[in-house]
Amino acid sequence: MKMMSQNRAKQVLAKLAEAYPQASCALHHTTPFELLIATMLSAQCTDERVNRVTAHLFQKFRTPEDFAVLSPEVLQEDIKQLGLFRTKSENIVATSRMLLERFQGQVPQTMETLMQLPGVGRKTANVVLSNAFAVPALAVDTHVRRVANRLGLANSLNPEMVEQQICARIPKSMWSQTHHWLIHHGRQVCVARKPRCEICPVAEFCQFYHTRGLHTNDL
């Protein structure tokens, strides 16, 4: 699939900005640490489900100190509604302890240091950098990957490659907001199984739409 030009990408983003003017991080948080924990919990879960869990979780535990003294087994009871809750519990406790031991209890503000934390990959790091610290970053989740490939902003199933391809086509100042626009579009219109092409604000630019994309489920 041929990827779109930088000029065409700017036209697409202008349309998405108009369609989703309030697009922002859907995970509820009040501190960088809360966002880090919520994002770790969001793996293979919807933001809505995570928000229901953290509404109670963050009333009990708010800081690295609070989580560091827990055993993973205790934390599991508070997040067992979420997928992979055992692994997430272990990573959250280990991350909280590392924050206290190595980072004075503060969430790091660089990709390299964030990815040293247990259970924190590139997507989670990008979410935290972008939304907690206003660092230009573009996290790629399943919605971003699907929409970017359908539009022609990217041509890869590899999240890191998708990130690189999108970022090469748009100004750095737009990376963070583009992440939110693509997610909102993927959730509301460009859904996986039956995309709502008839109401899509960027259908005129979309390669999937013009080719009637026969491989929807691959993305």
Protein backbone atom coordinates (compact mmCIF):
# COMPACT_ATOMS: atom_id res chain seq x y z
CA MET A 1 0.00 0.00 0.00
CA LYS A 2 1.30 3.43 -0.95
CA MET A 3 1.54 5.84 1.97
CA MET A 4 0.15 9.34 1.72
CA SER A 5 2.26 12.46 1.35
CA GLN A 6 2.94 14.92 4.14
CA ASN A 7 0.59 17.43 2.55
CA ARG A 8 -2.22 14.91 2.34
CA ALA A 9 -1.55 13.84 5.93
CA LYS A 10 -2.02 17.45 7.05
CA GLN A 11 -5.36 17.56 5.26
CA VAL A 12 -6.47 14.36 7.00
CA LEU A 13 -5.45 15.69 10.42
CA ALA A 14 -7.30 18.94 9.82
CA LYS A 15 -10.48 16.95 9.15
CA LEU A 16 -9.97 14.77 12.23
CA ALA A 17 -9.30 17.82 14.37
CA GLU A 18 -12.59 19.29 13.23
CA ALA A 19 -14.43 16.02 13.89
CA TYR A 20 -12.93 15.41 17.36
CA PRO A 21 -12.12 18.82 18.88
CA GLN A 22 -12.31 17.50 22.46
CA ALA A 23 -10.19 14.39 21.90
CA SER A 24 -7.94 13.72 24.89
CA CYS A 25 -6.68 10.95 27.15
CA ALA A 26 -9.62 8.80 28.25
CA LEU A 27 -7.86 7.29 31.27
CA HIS A 28 -8.82 9.08 34.48
CA HIS A 29 -5.85 10.35 36.49
CA THR A 30 -4.72 13.28 38.59
CA THR A 31 -0.96 12.66 38.72
CA PRO A 32 1.72 11.23 36.42
CA PHE A 33 1.94 8.19 38.68
CA GLU A 34 -1.79 7.53 38.47
CA LEU A 35 -1.59 7.77 34.68
CA LEU A 36 1.32 5.34 34.65
CA ILE A 37 -0.62 2.81 36.71
CA ALA A 38 -3.83 3.28 34.68
CA THR A 39 -1.94 2.80 31.43
CA MET A 40 -0.26 -0.35 32.72
CA LEU A 41 -3.71 -1.65 33.67
CA SER A 42 -5.14 -0.82 30.24
CA ALA A 43 -3.29 -3.57 28.37
CA GLN A 44 -5.91 -5.73 26.65
CA CYS A 45 -8.68 -3.82 28.46
CA THR A 46 -10.95 -0.95 27.54
CA ASP A 47 -10.34 2.45 29.09
CA GLU A 48 -13.90 2.39 30.44
CA ARG A 49 -13.25 -0.80 32.40
CA VAL A 50 -9.93 0.53 33.70
CA ASN A 51 -11.60 3.74 34.85
CA ARG A 52 -14.17 1.76 36.81
CA VAL A 53 -11.40 -0.14 38.56
CA THR A 54 -9.17 2.87 39.26
CA ALA A 55 -12.09 4.88 40.63
CA HIS A 56 -11.92 2.57 43.65
CA LEU A 57 -8.24 1.67 43.48
CA PHE A 58 -7.00 5.25 43.66
CA GLN A 59 -9.14 5.91 46.71
CA LYS A 60 -7.13 3.26 48.54
CA PHE A 61 -3.69 3.66 46.96
CA ARG A 62 -2.43 6.88 45.35
CA THR A 63 1.38 6.96 45.50
CA PRO A 64 4.38 4.72 44.84
CA GLU A 65 4.72 4.40 48.62
CA ASP A 66 1.16 3.05 48.85
CA PHE A 67 1.69 0.41 46.17
CA ALA A 68 5.26 -0.53 47.11
CA VAL A 69 4.26 -2.00 50.47
CA LEU A 70 1.62 -4.27 48.92
CA SER A 71 2.13 -7.85 47.89
CA PRO A 72 1.02 -8.67 44.35
CA GLU A 73 -1.57 -11.03 45.83
CA VAL A 74 -3.20 -8.20 47.78
CA LEU A 75 -3.27 -5.90 44.76
CA GLN A 76 -4.79 -8.64 42.63
CA GLU A 77 -7.99 -8.45 44.64
CA ASP A 78 -8.49 -4.83 43.59
CA ILE A 79 -7.83 -5.34 39.88
CA LYS A 80 -9.09 -8.87 39.24
CA GLN A 81 -11.83 -7.50 36.98
CA LEU A 82 -9.12 -6.75 34.42
CA GLY A 83 -7.34 -9.11 32.09
CA LEU A 84 -3.81 -10.26 32.98
CA PHE A 85 -4.41 -9.05 36.54
CA ARG A 86 -1.76 -11.32 38.08
CA THR A 87 1.03 -10.09 35.81
CA LYS A 88 -0.15 -6.50 36.15
CA SER A 89 -0.13 -6.76 39.93
CA GLU A 90 3.44 -8.02 39.96
CA ASN A 91 4.61 -5.29 37.57
CA ILE A 92 2.83 -2.47 39.40
CA VAL A 93 4.30 -3.43 42.76
CA ALA A 94 7.77 -3.88 41.24
CA THR A 95 7.51 -0.58 39.37
CA SER A 96 6.44 1.28 42.51
CA ARG A 97 9.40 -0.12 44.42
CA MET A 98 11.81 0.80 41.62
CA LEU A 99 10.44 4.35 41.52
CA LEU A 100 11.26 4.71 45.21
CA GLU A 101 14.65 3.03 44.98
CA ARG A 102 15.98 4.67 41.83
CA PHE A 103 13.89 7.73 40.99
CA GLN A 104 13.03 9.31 44.36
CA GLY A 105 9.43 8.30 43.90
CA GLN A 106 9.04 10.38 40.74
CA VAL A 107 7.85 9.08 37.37
CA PRO A 108 10.74 9.41 34.86
CA GLN A 109 10.34 11.81 31.98
CA THR A 110 12.32 10.07 29.24
CA MET A 111 11.53 7.07 27.09
CA GLU A 112 14.70 5.26 28.10
CA THR A 113 14.11 5.51 31.84
CA LEU A 114 10.40 4.78 31.66
CA MET A 115 11.08 1.56 29.77
CA GLN A 116 13.35 0.40 32.57
CA LEU A 117 10.26 0.02 34.76
CA PRO A 118 8.77 -3.50 34.96
CA GLY A 119 5.83 -3.91 32.60
CA VAL A 120 6.37 -0.58 30.83
CA GLY A 121 6.77 -0.84 27.07
CA ARG A 122 7.03 1.78 24.39
CA LYS A 123 3.28 2.39 24.10
CA THR A 124 2.85 2.96 27.84
CA ALA A 125 5.90 5.21 27.93
CA ASN A 126 4.57 7.30 25.05
CA VAL A 127 1.18 7.70 26.74
CA VAL A 128 2.83 8.92 29.95
CA LEU A 129 5.27 11.25 28.20
CA SER A 130 2.55 12.80 26.08
CA ASN A 131 -0.24 13.17 28.62
CA ALA A 132 1.63 13.65 31.89
CA PHE A 133 4.60 15.71 30.72
CA ALA A 134 3.52 17.28 27.40
CA VAL A 135 6.45 15.63 25.61
CA PRO A 136 5.69 15.13 21.89
CA ALA A 137 4.98 11.41 21.53
CA LEU A 138 2.67 9.15 19.58
CA ALA A 139 1.54 5.95 21.25
CA VAL A 140 0.35 3.21 18.91
CA ASP A 141 -2.45 0.97 20.15
CA THR A 142 -4.72 -1.27 18.11
CA HIS A 143 -6.96 1.66 17.06
CA VAL A 144 -4.07 3.86 15.92
CA ARG A 145 -2.50 1.00 14.00
CA ARG A 146 -5.76 0.06 12.27
CA VAL A 147 -6.78 3.59 11.30
CA ALA A 148 -3.28 4.61 10.18
CA ASN A 149 -2.99 1.56 7.94
CA ARG A 150 -6.43 2.04 6.43
CA LEU A 151 -5.85 5.70 5.71
CA GLY A 152 -2.34 5.24 4.34
CA LEU A 153 -0.56 7.08 7.14
CA ALA A 154 1.33 3.84 7.75
CA ASN A 155 1.94 0.51 6.09
CA SER A 156 2.97 -1.94 8.79
CA LEU A 157 1.52 -4.16 11.49
CA ASN A 158 4.51 -3.46 13.74
CA PRO A 159 3.57 -0.75 16.29
CA GLU A 160 7.02 0.83 16.41
CA MET A 161 7.20 0.99 12.63
CA VAL A 162 3.71 2.51 12.51
CA GLU A 163 4.83 5.14 15.01
CA GLN A 164 7.88 5.99 12.90
CA GLN A 165 5.88 6.16 9.67
CA ILE A 166 3.21 8.45 11.10
CA CYS A 167 5.70 10.73 12.82
CA ALA A 168 7.67 11.10 9.58
CA ARG A 169 4.57 12.54 7.89
CA ILE A 170 3.34 15.06 10.44
CA PRO A 171 4.84 17.92 12.45
CA LYS A 172 6.30 16.94 15.82
CA SER A 173 3.99 19.44 17.50
CA MET A 174 1.01 17.33 16.34
CA TRP A 175 2.21 13.88 17.43
CA SER A 176 0.36 13.80 20.74
CA GLN A 177 -2.95 15.10 19.47
CA THR A 178 -2.81 12.88 16.40
CA HIS A 179 -2.72 9.89 18.76
CA HIS A 180 -5.99 11.07 20.34
CA TRP A 181 -7.67 11.83 17.02
CA LEU A 182 -6.82 8.42 15.58
CA ILE A 183 -8.02 6.62 18.71
CA HIS A 184 -11.32 8.50 18.78
CA HIS A 185 -11.84 7.86 15.08
CA GLY A 186 -11.04 4.16 15.54
CA ARG A 187 -13.51 3.82 18.39
CA GLN A 188 -16.36 5.82 16.90
CA VAL A 189 -16.17 5.37 13.13
CA CYS A 190 -13.28 3.29 11.81
CA VAL A 191 -14.10 0.26 13.94
CA ALA A 192 -12.51 -3.12 13.29
CA ARG A 193 -15.33 -5.27 11.94
CA LYS A 194 -17.76 -2.94 10.21
CA PRO A 195 -16.23 0.50 9.69
CA ARG A 196 -18.83 3.24 9.29
CA CYS A 197 -17.39 4.58 6.04
CA GLU A 198 -20.67 6.28 5.14
CA ILE A 199 -20.18 8.85 7.93
CA CYS A 200 -16.38 9.03 7.88
CA PRO A 201 -15.04 12.61 7.74
CA VAL A 202 -11.85 11.47 5.96
CA ALA A 203 -13.28 8.87 3.56
CA GLU A 204 -12.16 10.93 0.58
CA PHE A 205 -8.54 10.43 1.65
CA CYS A 206 -8.82 6.81 2.78
CA GLN A 207 -7.16 4.04 0.78
CA PHE A 208 -9.24 1.38 2.52
CA TYR A 209 -12.45 3.14 1.53
CA HIS A 210 -11.45 3.54 -2.10
CA THR A 211 -10.29 -0.06 -2.48
CA ARG A 212 -13.16 -1.44 -0.35
CA GLY A 213 -10.40 -3.11 1.79
CA LEU A 214 -10.91 -6.82 1.66
CA HIS A 215 -8.62 -7.51 4.62
CA THR A 216 -10.35 -5.54 7.37
CA ASN A 217 -9.82 -8.18 10.01
CA ASP A 218 -6.06 -8.29 9.44
CA LEU A 219 -5.76 -4.85 11.03
